[in-house]
Amino acid sequence: MYPNADSIMKCIVFDFDGVIAETDTARIKLLSEVLTSNGIDSSKIKIDEISGLSTATYLKKYYPELSENLIIKIILQRQKMFFSELEKYLKPFPDAKDVILQLAEKYELQLATTNTYSNARRMLEFLGLFDCFTHLYGRELVEDKHGFKDYKLIVNKLGYRIDNTIVIEDSFVGIDSAKDAGFFCIKFNPKNKETICDKADVTVNSYKELKRFIDGL
């Protein structure tokens, strides 16, 4: 149940990776290929560790031996491969586009992602969803000094009170950040993964389920 019966939901903040589109599979595949081509062991990459982190933050945390210049080189190589075949690697979740288009007619939609602004915009434009979002916050605005997503950094930029806003996230990092900032948070869990513990207020497994929940508020 929405935490404050006197509050009216006006704004929905979406994450991108793992919420609008399934990108982790391609991300790990391409990152593994790039690391291997640079003579770096890629066998230790785990989806649970990379989810919710930018590639730069992930590499700095789990490959501390890499230089800043090499990390930048790896990121640029992976991005070039990804964006050269978006139709292959960028897969929106079933019903995502239809539901987002419907929600945009009733609520203000905003996006907070650890992608750069320019990359997030390119992906939204490719999916035909860019015009649905009134604000797009890239890693330039949502990452703290340690490279982790921090919703507190955009609270004053939303244009709405926290109790008028819902955040939709999929990763522990994103969910914890949203809850620490005071937001009601929906966990999007399309693969129905069992989790030991997280702070999400509600979990949905599909966009149809998400739409039903929001319609019931």
N, C-alpha and C. Protein backbone atom coordinates (compact mmCIF):
# COMPACT_ATOMS: atom_id res chain seq x y z
N MET A 1 0.84 -1.18 0.00
CA MET A 1 0.00 0.00 0.00
C MET A 1 0.88 1.24 0.00
N TYR A 2 0.44 2.25 -0.73
CA TYR A 2 1.18 3.51 -0.78
C TYR A 2 1.23 4.08 0.64
N PRO A 3 2.39 4.55 1.09
CA PRO A 3 2.59 4.84 2.51
C PRO A 3 1.74 5.94 3.11
N ASN A 4 1.32 6.90 2.32
CA ASN A 4 0.56 8.01 2.87
C ASN A 4 -0.74 8.17 2.11
N ALA A 5 -1.83 7.84 2.76
CA ALA A 5 -3.13 7.87 2.09
C ALA A 5 -3.51 9.28 1.63
N ASP A 6 -2.91 10.29 2.25
CA ASP A 6 -3.22 11.67 1.87
C ASP A 6 -2.38 12.16 0.70
N SER A 7 -1.39 11.37 0.30
CA SER A 7 -0.51 11.76 -0.80
C SER A 7 -1.08 11.29 -2.13
N ILE A 8 -0.88 12.10 -3.15
CA ILE A 8 -1.31 11.75 -4.49
C ILE A 8 -0.07 11.53 -5.35
N MET A 9 0.04 10.37 -5.94
CA MET A 9 1.20 10.07 -6.76
C MET A 9 1.15 10.88 -8.05
N LYS A 10 2.20 11.64 -8.29
CA LYS A 10 2.25 12.50 -9.46
C LYS A 10 3.43 12.20 -10.37
N CYS A 11 4.48 11.61 -9.80
CA CYS A 11 5.73 11.43 -10.55
C CYS A 11 6.25 10.01 -10.37
N ILE A 12 6.73 9.42 -11.45
CA ILE A 12 7.34 8.09 -11.40
C ILE A 12 8.76 8.20 -11.95
N VAL A 13 9.73 7.75 -11.17
CA VAL A 13 11.12 7.77 -11.60
C VAL A 13 11.54 6.35 -11.95
N PHE A 14 11.92 6.15 -13.19
CA PHE A 14 12.36 4.84 -13.67
C PHE A 14 13.88 4.75 -13.68
N ASP A 15 14.39 3.58 -13.33
CA ASP A 15 15.75 3.22 -13.69
C ASP A 15 15.67 2.72 -15.14
N PHE A 16 16.83 2.57 -15.80
CA PHE A 16 16.79 2.07 -17.18
C PHE A 16 17.18 0.60 -17.27
N ASP A 17 18.45 0.30 -16.97
CA ASP A 17 18.94 -1.07 -17.12
C ASP A 17 18.25 -1.99 -16.12
N GLY A 18 17.62 -3.03 -16.63
CA GLY A 18 16.93 -3.98 -15.76
C GLY A 18 15.51 -3.59 -15.41
N VAL A 19 15.10 -2.39 -15.85
CA VAL A 19 13.73 -1.95 -15.59
C VAL A 19 13.00 -1.67 -16.90
N ILE A 20 13.60 -0.88 -17.77
CA ILE A 20 12.99 -0.63 -19.08
C ILE A 20 13.47 -1.67 -20.09
N ALA A 21 14.74 -2.01 -20.01
CA ALA A 21 15.30 -2.97 -20.95
C ALA A 21 16.23 -3.95 -20.24
N GLU A 22 16.30 -5.15 -20.78
CA GLU A 22 17.22 -6.17 -20.26
C GLU A 22 18.55 -5.96 -20.97
N THR A 23 19.50 -5.37 -20.29
CA THR A 23 20.80 -5.06 -20.90
C THR A 23 21.96 -5.81 -20.25
N ASP A 24 21.74 -6.42 -19.10
CA ASP A 24 22.85 -7.05 -18.38
C ASP A 24 23.49 -8.20 -19.17
N THR A 25 22.67 -8.96 -19.88
CA THR A 25 23.21 -10.08 -20.65
C THR A 25 24.20 -9.60 -21.69
N ALA A 26 23.79 -8.59 -22.45
CA ALA A 26 24.68 -8.03 -23.48
C ALA A 26 25.86 -7.33 -22.84
N ARG A 27 25.61 -6.65 -21.75
CA ARG A 27 26.67 -5.90 -21.08
C ARG A 27 27.79 -6.84 -20.62
N ILE A 28 27.42 -7.94 -19.99
CA ILE A 28 28.42 -8.90 -19.51
C ILE A 28 29.13 -9.58 -20.67
N LYS A 29 28.37 -9.94 -21.69
CA LYS A 29 28.96 -10.59 -22.87
C LYS A 29 30.01 -9.69 -23.52
N LEU A 30 29.64 -8.44 -23.77
CA LEU A 30 30.54 -7.53 -24.45
C LEU A 30 31.72 -7.13 -23.57
N LEU A 31 31.46 -6.92 -22.29
CA LEU A 31 32.55 -6.56 -21.38
C LEU A 31 33.55 -7.72 -21.28
N SER A 32 33.04 -8.93 -21.24
CA SER A 32 33.92 -10.10 -21.18
C SER A 32 34.81 -10.16 -22.42
N GLU A 33 34.20 -9.90 -23.59
CA GLU A 33 34.97 -9.94 -24.83
C GLU A 33 36.05 -8.86 -24.84
N VAL A 34 35.70 -7.67 -24.37
CA VAL A 34 36.66 -6.57 -24.38
C VAL A 34 37.79 -6.83 -23.38
N LEU A 35 37.44 -7.30 -22.19
CA LEU A 35 38.47 -7.61 -21.21
C LEU A 35 39.43 -8.67 -21.74
N THR A 36 38.88 -9.72 -22.33
CA THR A 36 39.71 -10.80 -22.86
C THR A 36 40.64 -10.28 -23.96
N SER A 37 40.09 -9.42 -24.83
CA SER A 37 40.91 -8.88 -25.92
C SER A 37 42.03 -8.00 -25.42
N ASN A 38 41.89 -7.50 -24.18
CA ASN A 38 42.94 -6.68 -23.57
C ASN A 38 43.81 -7.49 -22.60
N GLY A 39 43.68 -8.82 -22.65
CA GLY A 39 44.50 -9.69 -21.83
C GLY A 39 44.13 -9.71 -20.36
N ILE A 40 42.85 -9.46 -20.07
CA ILE A 40 42.38 -9.38 -18.68
C ILE A 40 41.40 -10.52 -18.42
N ASP A 41 41.53 -11.17 -17.29
CA ASP A 41 40.65 -12.28 -16.92
C ASP A 41 39.22 -11.79 -16.75
N SER A 42 38.29 -12.34 -17.51
CA SER A 42 36.89 -11.94 -17.43
C SER A 42 36.02 -12.97 -16.73
N SER A 43 36.61 -14.03 -16.25
CA SER A 43 35.83 -15.15 -15.70
C SER A 43 35.15 -14.81 -14.38
N LYS A 44 35.62 -13.76 -13.70
CA LYS A 44 35.05 -13.46 -12.39
C LYS A 44 33.87 -12.49 -12.44
N ILE A 45 33.45 -12.08 -13.64
CA ILE A 45 32.31 -11.16 -13.74
C ILE A 45 31.04 -11.89 -13.31
N LYS A 46 30.29 -11.27 -12.38
CA LYS A 46 29.03 -11.84 -11.91
C LYS A 46 27.92 -10.82 -12.05
N ILE A 47 26.76 -11.26 -12.51
CA ILE A 47 25.66 -10.35 -12.76
C ILE A 47 25.20 -9.65 -11.49
N ASP A 48 25.24 -10.35 -10.35
CA ASP A 48 24.79 -9.74 -9.11
C ASP A 48 25.72 -8.63 -8.64
N GLU A 49 26.97 -8.66 -9.08
CA GLU A 49 27.92 -7.64 -8.68
C GLU A 49 27.90 -6.43 -9.61
N ILE A 50 27.63 -6.66 -10.89
CA ILE A 50 27.65 -5.55 -11.85
C ILE A 50 26.32 -4.82 -11.92
N SER A 51 25.23 -5.49 -11.54
CA SER A 51 23.90 -4.90 -11.62
C SER A 51 23.80 -3.66 -10.71
N GLY A 52 23.33 -2.57 -11.29
CA GLY A 52 23.15 -1.34 -10.52
C GLY A 52 24.36 -0.43 -10.50
N LEU A 53 25.48 -0.90 -11.08
CA LEU A 53 26.70 -0.09 -11.11
C LEU A 53 27.04 0.30 -12.54
N SER A 54 27.61 1.47 -12.72
CA SER A 54 28.14 1.82 -14.02
C SER A 54 29.35 0.93 -14.28
N THR A 55 29.70 0.77 -15.54
CA THR A 55 30.85 -0.07 -15.87
C THR A 55 32.12 0.47 -15.24
N ALA A 56 32.26 1.79 -15.21
CA ALA A 56 33.44 2.40 -14.61
C ALA A 56 33.54 2.05 -13.13
N THR A 57 32.43 2.19 -12.40
CA THR A 57 32.44 1.88 -10.97
C THR A 57 32.72 0.41 -10.74
N TYR A 58 32.11 -0.45 -11.56
CA TYR A 58 32.33 -1.89 -11.42
C TYR A 58 33.80 -2.24 -11.61
N LEU A 59 34.42 -1.71 -12.66
CA LEU A 59 35.81 -2.03 -12.94
C LEU A 59 36.74 -1.51 -11.85
N LYS A 60 36.45 -0.32 -11.35
CA LYS A 60 37.30 0.24 -10.29
C LYS A 60 37.19 -0.59 -9.01
N LYS A 61 36.01 -1.14 -8.77
CA LYS A 61 35.80 -1.91 -7.55
C LYS A 61 36.36 -3.33 -7.65
N TYR A 62 36.13 -4.00 -8.77
CA TYR A 62 36.49 -5.41 -8.88
C TYR A 62 37.78 -5.67 -9.67
N TYR A 63 38.28 -4.64 -10.35
CA TYR A 63 39.55 -4.74 -11.06
C TYR A 63 40.42 -3.54 -10.66
N PRO A 64 40.76 -3.43 -9.38
CA PRO A 64 41.49 -2.26 -8.90
C PRO A 64 42.88 -2.10 -9.51
N GLU A 65 43.38 -3.16 -10.13
CA GLU A 65 44.71 -3.09 -10.74
C GLU A 65 44.71 -2.33 -12.07
N LEU A 66 43.52 -2.08 -12.64
CA LEU A 66 43.45 -1.41 -13.94
C LEU A 66 43.68 0.09 -13.79
N SER A 67 44.41 0.65 -14.73
CA SER A 67 44.65 2.10 -14.72
C SER A 67 43.41 2.84 -15.21
N GLU A 68 43.33 4.10 -14.89
CA GLU A 68 42.20 4.93 -15.33
C GLU A 68 42.12 4.96 -16.85
N ASN A 69 43.24 5.08 -17.51
CA ASN A 69 43.25 5.13 -18.97
C ASN A 69 42.76 3.82 -19.58
N LEU A 70 43.14 2.70 -18.97
CA LEU A 70 42.70 1.40 -19.50
C LEU A 70 41.21 1.21 -19.27
N ILE A 71 40.70 1.66 -18.13
CA ILE A 71 39.27 1.57 -17.86
C ILE A 71 38.49 2.38 -18.90
N ILE A 72 38.95 3.57 -19.19
CA ILE A 72 38.29 4.40 -20.21
C ILE A 72 38.32 3.70 -21.57
N LYS A 73 39.45 3.11 -21.91
CA LYS A 73 39.57 2.38 -23.18
C LYS A 73 38.58 1.23 -23.24
N ILE A 74 38.46 0.46 -22.17
CA ILE A 74 37.55 -0.67 -22.12
C ILE A 74 36.10 -0.22 -22.27
N ILE A 75 35.74 0.84 -21.56
CA ILE A 75 34.38 1.36 -21.63
C ILE A 75 34.04 1.81 -23.05
N LEU A 76 34.93 2.53 -23.68
CA LEU A 76 34.68 3.02 -25.03
C LEU A 76 34.57 1.88 -26.03
N GLN A 77 35.38 0.85 -25.87
CA GLN A 77 35.29 -0.32 -26.76
C GLN A 77 33.96 -1.04 -26.59
N ARG A 78 33.56 -1.23 -25.33
CA ARG A 78 32.29 -1.92 -25.08
C ARG A 78 31.12 -1.11 -25.62
N GLN A 79 31.13 0.19 -25.40
CA GLN A 79 30.04 1.04 -25.87
C GLN A 79 29.95 1.03 -27.40
N LYS A 80 31.09 1.06 -28.06
CA LYS A 80 31.09 1.05 -29.52
C LYS A 80 30.44 -0.23 -30.04
N MET A 81 30.76 -1.35 -29.43
CA MET A 81 30.17 -2.62 -29.83
C MET A 81 28.67 -2.65 -29.57
N PHE A 82 28.26 -2.13 -28.40
CA PHE A 82 26.85 -2.14 -28.01
C PHE A 82 26.02 -1.26 -28.94
N PHE A 83 26.46 -0.03 -29.16
CA PHE A 83 25.66 0.90 -29.95
C PHE A 83 25.70 0.62 -31.45
N SER A 84 26.66 -0.17 -31.88
CA SER A 84 26.71 -0.52 -33.30
C SER A 84 25.66 -1.56 -33.66
N GLU A 85 25.11 -2.25 -32.64
CA GLU A 85 24.09 -3.26 -32.89
C GLU A 85 22.98 -3.16 -31.84
N LEU A 86 22.39 -2.00 -31.72
CA LEU A 86 21.35 -1.81 -30.71
C LEU A 86 20.17 -2.74 -30.91
N GLU A 87 19.83 -3.00 -32.16
CA GLU A 87 18.69 -3.88 -32.42
C GLU A 87 18.92 -5.29 -31.89
N LYS A 88 20.17 -5.65 -31.71
CA LYS A 88 20.53 -6.97 -31.20
C LYS A 88 20.64 -6.98 -29.68
N TYR A 89 21.16 -5.89 -29.12
CA TYR A 89 21.50 -5.89 -27.71
C TYR A 89 20.50 -5.16 -26.80
N LEU A 90 19.71 -4.26 -27.35
CA LEU A 90 18.80 -3.47 -26.51
C LEU A 90 17.39 -4.02 -26.62
N LYS A 91 16.99 -4.80 -25.64
CA LYS A 91 15.71 -5.49 -25.67
C LYS A 91 14.79 -4.97 -24.56
N PRO A 92 13.74 -4.21 -24.91
CA PRO A 92 12.80 -3.77 -23.87
C PRO A 92 12.03 -4.96 -23.32
N PHE A 93 11.61 -4.85 -22.07
CA PHE A 93 10.82 -5.92 -21.48
C PHE A 93 9.43 -5.96 -22.12
N PRO A 94 8.79 -7.13 -22.14
CA PRO A 94 7.45 -7.23 -22.73
C PRO A 94 6.50 -6.19 -22.13
N ASP A 95 5.76 -5.52 -23.00
CA ASP A 95 4.75 -4.52 -22.64
C ASP A 95 5.33 -3.23 -22.08
N ALA A 96 6.67 -3.12 -22.01
CA ALA A 96 7.27 -1.92 -21.42
C ALA A 96 6.86 -0.66 -22.17
N LYS A 97 6.99 -0.69 -23.49
CA LYS A 97 6.69 0.52 -24.25
C LYS A 97 5.23 0.93 -24.11
N ASP A 98 4.32 -0.01 -24.25
CA ASP A 98 2.89 0.31 -24.16
C ASP A 98 2.53 0.88 -22.80
N VAL A 99 3.03 0.26 -21.73
CA VAL A 99 2.71 0.72 -20.38
C VAL A 99 3.31 2.09 -20.11
N ILE A 100 4.56 2.29 -20.52
CA ILE A 100 5.20 3.60 -20.30
C ILE A 100 4.46 4.70 -21.05
N LEU A 101 4.04 4.42 -22.26
CA LEU A 101 3.27 5.40 -23.02
C LEU A 101 1.96 5.74 -22.31
N GLN A 102 1.30 4.74 -21.74
CA GLN A 102 0.06 4.97 -21.00
C GLN A 102 0.29 5.77 -19.73
N LEU A 103 1.34 5.41 -19.00
CA LEU A 103 1.64 6.12 -17.75
C LEU A 103 2.01 7.57 -18.01
N ALA A 104 2.68 7.82 -19.13
CA ALA A 104 3.09 9.19 -19.46
C ALA A 104 1.91 10.11 -19.71
N GLU A 105 0.76 9.55 -20.01
CA GLU A 105 -0.44 10.36 -20.22
C GLU A 105 -1.03 10.85 -18.90
N LYS A 106 -0.71 10.18 -17.81
CA LYS A 106 -1.32 10.48 -16.52
C LYS A 106 -0.33 11.05 -15.50
N TYR A 107 0.92 10.62 -15.59
CA TYR A 107 1.93 11.03 -14.60
C TYR A 107 3.13 11.66 -15.29
N GLU A 108 3.92 12.39 -14.52
CA GLU A 108 5.19 12.86 -15.03
C GLU A 108 6.21 11.75 -14.83
N LEU A 109 6.86 11.35 -15.91
CA LEU A 109 7.86 10.30 -15.85
C LEU A 109 9.25 10.90 -15.94
N GLN A 110 10.14 10.42 -15.08
CA GLN A 110 11.52 10.85 -15.10
C GLN A 110 12.42 9.62 -15.07
N LEU A 111 13.66 9.79 -15.50
CA LEU A 111 14.58 8.66 -15.57
C LEU A 111 15.85 8.98 -14.80
N ALA A 112 16.29 8.03 -13.96
CA ALA A 112 17.54 8.17 -13.21
C ALA A 112 18.38 6.94 -13.48
N THR A 113 19.54 7.12 -14.08
CA THR A 113 20.33 5.98 -14.55
C THR A 113 21.82 6.21 -14.35
N THR A 114 22.56 5.12 -14.24
CA THR A 114 24.01 5.24 -14.16
C THR A 114 24.65 5.22 -15.54
N ASN A 115 23.84 5.21 -16.59
CA ASN A 115 24.35 5.49 -17.92
C ASN A 115 24.64 6.99 -18.01
N THR A 116 25.51 7.38 -18.92
CA THR A 116 25.66 8.81 -19.15
C THR A 116 24.38 9.35 -19.76
N TYR A 117 24.18 10.65 -19.63
CA TYR A 117 22.97 11.27 -20.20
C TYR A 117 22.88 10.97 -21.69
N SER A 118 23.98 11.14 -22.42
CA SER A 118 23.93 10.97 -23.87
C SER A 118 23.61 9.54 -24.26
N ASN A 119 24.18 8.56 -23.55
CA ASN A 119 23.89 7.16 -23.87
C ASN A 119 22.45 6.79 -23.52
N ALA A 120 21.95 7.29 -22.38
CA ALA A 120 20.57 7.02 -22.00
C ALA A 120 19.61 7.61 -23.02
N ARG A 121 19.91 8.81 -23.48
CA ARG A 121 19.04 9.45 -24.48
C ARG A 121 19.03 8.64 -25.78
N ARG A 122 20.19 8.19 -26.22
CA ARG A 122 20.26 7.39 -27.45
C ARG A 122 19.42 6.12 -27.32
N MET A 123 19.46 5.48 -26.16
CA MET A 123 18.69 4.25 -25.99
C MET A 123 17.19 4.52 -25.93
N LEU A 124 16.80 5.57 -25.24
CA LEU A 124 15.39 5.92 -25.19
C LEU A 124 14.86 6.30 -26.56
N GLU A 125 15.65 7.04 -27.31
CA GLU A 125 15.24 7.42 -28.67
C GLU A 125 15.10 6.19 -29.55
N PHE A 126 16.01 5.24 -29.41
CA PHE A 126 15.94 4.01 -30.19
C PHE A 126 14.66 3.25 -29.89
N LEU A 127 14.25 3.26 -28.62
CA LEU A 127 13.04 2.54 -28.21
C LEU A 127 11.76 3.34 -28.46
N GLY A 128 11.91 4.59 -28.89
CA GLY A 128 10.74 5.44 -29.12
C GLY A 128 10.10 5.94 -27.84
N LEU A 129 10.91 6.12 -26.79
CA LEU A 129 10.37 6.48 -25.48
C LEU A 129 10.91 7.80 -24.93
N PHE A 130 11.83 8.43 -25.64
CA PHE A 130 12.47 9.63 -25.08
C PHE A 130 11.45 10.71 -24.73
N ASP A 131 10.45 10.92 -25.57
CA ASP A 131 9.48 11.98 -25.34
C ASP A 131 8.55 11.70 -24.16
N CYS A 132 8.57 10.48 -23.63
CA CYS A 132 7.74 10.15 -22.47
C CYS A 132 8.31 10.71 -21.17
N PHE A 133 9.59 11.04 -21.18
CA PHE A 133 10.27 11.44 -19.95
C PHE A 133 10.57 12.94 -19.95
N THR A 134 10.11 13.61 -18.91
CA THR A 134 10.31 15.06 -18.83
C THR A 134 11.70 15.42 -18.35
N HIS A 135 12.31 14.53 -17.57
CA HIS A 135 13.68 14.76 -17.08
C HIS A 135 14.47 13.46 -17.17
N LEU A 136 15.73 13.58 -17.51
CA LEU A 136 16.62 12.43 -17.61
C LEU A 136 17.88 12.76 -16.81
N TYR A 137 18.12 11.99 -15.75
CA TYR A 137 19.29 12.20 -14.91
C TYR A 137 20.29 11.08 -15.17
N GLY A 138 21.43 11.42 -15.79
CA GLY A 138 22.46 10.44 -16.06
C GLY A 138 23.42 10.32 -14.90
N ARG A 139 24.44 9.51 -15.10
CA ARG A 139 25.40 9.27 -14.02
C ARG A 139 26.08 10.55 -13.56
N GLU A 140 26.11 11.55 -14.45
CA GLU A 140 26.72 12.83 -14.09
C GLU A 140 26.04 13.46 -12.88
N LEU A 141 24.76 13.14 -12.69
CA LEU A 141 23.99 13.74 -11.60
C LEU A 141 23.66 12.76 -10.47
N VAL A 142 23.55 11.48 -10.78
CA VAL A 142 23.05 10.54 -9.76
C VAL A 142 24.13 9.72 -9.07
N GLU A 143 25.38 9.80 -9.53
CA GLU A 143 26.43 9.05 -8.86
C GLU A 143 27.13 9.91 -7.82
N ASP A 144 27.38 9.31 -6.64
CA ASP A 144 28.12 10.03 -5.61
C ASP A 144 29.62 9.96 -5.90
N LYS A 145 30.43 10.48 -5.01
CA LYS A 145 31.87 10.55 -5.26
C LYS A 145 32.53 9.18 -5.33
N HIS A 146 31.83 8.16 -4.84
CA HIS A 146 32.36 6.80 -4.90
C HIS A 146 31.86 6.03 -6.12
N GLY A 147 31.01 6.67 -6.92
CA GLY A 147 30.49 6.03 -8.12
C GLY A 147 29.23 5.23 -7.92
N PHE A 148 28.57 5.39 -6.76
CA PHE A 148 27.34 4.66 -6.49
C PHE A 148 26.11 5.56 -6.68
N LYS A 149 25.01 4.96 -7.10
CA LYS A 149 23.79 5.71 -7.34
C LYS A 149 23.26 6.27 -6.03
N ASP A 150 22.89 7.54 -6.04
CA ASP A 150 22.44 8.21 -4.83
C ASP A 150 21.24 9.10 -5.16
N TYR A 151 20.05 8.63 -4.83
CA TYR A 151 18.84 9.39 -5.15
C TYR A 151 18.74 10.71 -4.38
N LYS A 152 19.46 10.81 -3.28
CA LYS A 152 19.44 12.07 -2.53
C LYS A 152 19.96 13.23 -3.37
N LEU A 153 20.79 12.91 -4.36
CA LEU A 153 21.39 13.95 -5.19
C LEU A 153 20.40 14.61 -6.14
N ILE A 154 19.26 13.95 -6.39
CA ILE A 154 18.29 14.53 -7.33
C ILE A 154 16.96 14.89 -6.69
N VAL A 155 16.85 14.70 -5.38
CA VAL A 155 15.58 14.99 -4.69
C VAL A 155 15.09 16.40 -5.00
N ASN A 156 15.97 17.37 -4.96
CA ASN A 156 15.57 18.76 -5.17
C ASN A 156 15.41 19.13 -6.63
N LYS A 157 15.68 18.21 -7.53
CA LYS A 157 15.55 18.47 -8.96
C LYS A 157 14.26 17.92 -9.56
N LEU A 158 13.57 17.05 -8.81
CA LEU A 158 12.40 16.36 -9.35
C LEU A 158 11.23 17.28 -9.64
N GLY A 159 11.07 18.31 -8.80
CA GLY A 159 9.91 19.19 -8.94
C GLY A 159 8.69 18.68 -8.20
N TYR A 160 8.84 17.57 -7.47
CA TYR A 160 7.76 16.99 -6.69
C TYR A 160 8.28 16.57 -5.33
N ARG A 161 7.38 16.53 -4.36
CA ARG A 161 7.77 16.04 -3.04
C ARG A 161 8.02 14.54 -3.10
N ILE A 162 8.80 14.07 -2.17
CA ILE A 162 9.11 12.64 -2.10
C ILE A 162 7.84 11.81 -1.98
N ASP A 163 6.86 12.30 -1.21
CA ASP A 163 5.64 11.50 -1.02
C ASP A 163 4.66 11.62 -2.19
N ASN A 164 5.05 12.34 -3.24
CA ASN A 164 4.27 12.37 -4.47
C ASN A 164 4.96 11.55 -5.58
N THR A 165 6.02 10.86 -5.20
CA THR A 165 6.89 10.22 -6.20
C THR A 165 7.12 8.75 -5.87
N ILE A 166 7.13 7.93 -6.92
CA ILE A 166 7.48 6.51 -6.79
C ILE A 166 8.72 6.25 -7.63
N VAL A 167 9.60 5.41 -7.12
CA VAL A 167 10.80 5.00 -7.85
C VAL A 167 10.67 3.53 -8.22
N ILE A 168 11.07 3.20 -9.45
CA ILE A 168 11.05 1.80 -9.90
C ILE A 168 12.49 1.37 -10.17
N GLU A 169 12.94 0.38 -9.43
CA GLU A 169 14.32 -0.09 -9.51
C GLU A 169 14.35 -1.62 -9.57
N ASP A 170 15.51 -2.16 -9.92
CA ASP A 170 15.66 -3.62 -9.95
C ASP A 170 16.81 -4.12 -9.09
N SER A 171 17.84 -3.31 -8.87
CA SER A 171 19.04 -3.78 -8.18
C SER A 171 19.03 -3.40 -6.71
N PHE A 172 19.81 -4.13 -5.92
CA PHE A 172 19.95 -3.80 -4.51
C PHE A 172 20.47 -2.37 -4.35
N VAL A 173 21.46 -2.02 -5.16
CA VAL A 173 22.06 -0.68 -5.08
C VAL A 173 21.01 0.40 -5.29
N GLY A 174 20.21 0.25 -6.35
CA GLY A 174 19.19 1.25 -6.66
C GLY A 174 18.08 1.30 -5.63
N ILE A 175 17.62 0.12 -5.20
CA ILE A 175 16.53 0.05 -4.22
C ILE A 175 16.97 0.67 -2.89
N ASP A 176 18.15 0.29 -2.43
CA ASP A 176 18.63 0.83 -1.15
C ASP A 176 18.78 2.34 -1.22
N SER A 177 19.29 2.84 -2.35
CA SER A 177 19.46 4.28 -2.50
C SER A 177 18.12 5.01 -2.49
N ALA A 178 17.14 4.46 -3.21
CA ALA A 178 15.82 5.08 -3.26
C ALA A 178 15.18 5.11 -1.87
N LYS A 179 15.28 4.01 -1.16
CA LYS A 179 14.68 3.95 0.18
C LYS A 179 15.42 4.85 1.16
N ASP A 180 16.74 4.90 1.06
CA ASP A 180 17.51 5.77 1.94
C ASP A 180 17.16 7.24 1.72
N ALA A 181 16.73 7.57 0.50
CA ALA A 181 16.33 8.95 0.20
C ALA A 181 14.88 9.22 0.61
N GLY A 182 14.15 8.16 1.00
CA GLY A 182 12.79 8.35 1.49
C GLY A 182 11.68 8.03 0.52
N PHE A 183 12.01 7.48 -0.64
CA PHE A 183 10.99 7.21 -1.66
C PHE A 183 10.28 5.88 -1.43
N PHE A 184 9.03 5.82 -1.86
CA PHE A 184 8.33 4.55 -2.02
C PHE A 184 8.96 3.88 -3.23
N CYS A 185 9.37 2.62 -3.10
CA CYS A 185 10.12 1.97 -4.17
C CYS A 185 9.48 0.65 -4.60
N ILE A 186 9.27 0.54 -5.90
CA ILE A 186 8.78 -0.70 -6.49
C ILE A 186 9.97 -1.45 -7.08
N LYS A 187 10.10 -2.71 -6.72
CA LYS A 187 11.16 -3.55 -7.30
C LYS A 187 10.60 -4.25 -8.53
N PHE A 188 11.28 -4.06 -9.66
CA PHE A 188 10.90 -4.75 -10.89
C PHE A 188 11.75 -6.01 -10.98
N ASN A 189 11.08 -7.16 -10.97
CA ASN A 189 11.77 -8.45 -10.86
C ASN A 189 11.22 -9.42 -11.92
N PRO A 190 11.50 -9.15 -13.20
CA PRO A 190 10.89 -9.93 -14.28
C PRO A 190 11.30 -11.39 -14.32
N LYS A 191 12.45 -11.72 -13.77
CA LYS A 191 12.91 -13.11 -13.76
C LYS A 191 12.49 -13.83 -12.48
N ASN A 192 11.73 -13.11 -11.64
CA ASN A 192 11.20 -13.69 -10.40
C ASN A 192 12.30 -14.32 -9.55
N LYS A 193 13.39 -13.57 -9.41
CA LYS A 193 14.50 -14.06 -8.60
C LYS A 193 14.14 -14.03 -7.12
N GLU A 194 14.53 -15.07 -6.42
CA GLU A 194 14.35 -15.08 -4.97
C GLU A 194 15.46 -14.25 -4.34
N THR A 195 15.09 -13.34 -3.47
CA THR A 195 16.09 -12.50 -2.81
C THR A 195 15.96 -12.67 -1.30
N ILE A 196 17.09 -12.63 -0.64
CA ILE A 196 17.10 -12.81 0.81
C ILE A 196 16.48 -11.61 1.51
N CYS A 197 16.89 -10.43 1.09
CA CYS A 197 16.40 -9.24 1.78
C CYS A 197 16.66 -8.01 0.93
N ASP A 198 15.68 -7.18 0.79
CA ASP A 198 15.89 -5.85 0.25
C ASP A 198 14.83 -4.93 0.83
N LYS A 199 14.94 -3.65 0.55
CA LYS A 199 14.09 -2.66 1.20
C LYS A 199 12.87 -2.27 0.38
N ALA A 200 12.66 -2.89 -0.77
CA ALA A 200 11.56 -2.49 -1.65
C ALA A 200 10.21 -2.61 -0.94
N ASP A 201 9.32 -1.67 -1.24
CA ASP A 201 7.97 -1.70 -0.65
C ASP A 201 7.08 -2.71 -1.33
N VAL A 202 7.27 -2.86 -2.63
CA VAL A 202 6.43 -3.75 -3.44
C VAL A 202 7.31 -4.37 -4.52
N THR A 203 7.02 -5.60 -4.89
CA THR A 203 7.72 -6.26 -5.99
C THR A 203 6.71 -6.63 -7.08
N VAL A 204 7.04 -6.30 -8.32
CA VAL A 204 6.22 -6.72 -9.46
C VAL A 204 7.11 -7.49 -10.42
N ASN A 205 6.50 -8.42 -11.16
CA ASN A 205 7.28 -9.29 -12.04
C ASN A 205 7.08 -9.00 -13.52
N SER A 206 6.18 -8.06 -13.84
CA SER A 206 5.93 -7.75 -15.25
C SER A 206 5.37 -6.34 -15.36
N TYR A 207 5.33 -5.82 -16.57
CA TYR A 207 4.77 -4.48 -16.78
C TYR A 207 3.25 -4.48 -16.61
N LYS A 208 2.60 -5.59 -16.93
CA LYS A 208 1.16 -5.67 -16.70
C LYS A 208 0.86 -5.60 -15.21
N GLU A 209 1.68 -6.28 -14.42
CA GLU A 209 1.51 -6.24 -12.97
C GLU A 209 1.83 -4.85 -12.42
N LEU A 210 2.83 -4.21 -12.98
CA LEU A 210 3.17 -2.84 -12.58
C LEU A 210 2.02 -1.90 -12.86
N LYS A 211 1.43 -2.02 -14.03
CA LYS A 211 0.30 -1.15 -14.41
C LYS A 211 -0.89 -1.37 -13.49
N ARG A 212 -1.19 -2.63 -13.16
CA ARG A 212 -2.30 -2.92 -12.26
C ARG A 212 -2.07 -2.30 -10.89
N PHE A 213 -0.83 -2.40 -10.41
CA PHE A 213 -0.54 -1.84 -9.08
C PHE A 213 -0.71 -0.32 -9.08
N ILE A 214 -0.15 0.34 -10.08
CA ILE A 214 -0.23 1.80 -10.12
C ILE A 214 -1.67 2.25 -10.32
N ASP A 215 -2.43 1.54 -11.12
CA ASP A 215 -3.85 1.88 -11.33
C ASP A 215 -4.63 1.76 -10.05
N GLY A 216 -4.17 0.90 -9.14
CA GLY A 216 -4.89 0.69 -7.88
C GLY A 216 -4.54 1.66 -6.79
N LEU A 217 -3.59 2.56 -7.05
CA LEU A 217 -3.21 3.52 -6.01
C LEU A 217 -4.27 4.61 -5.84
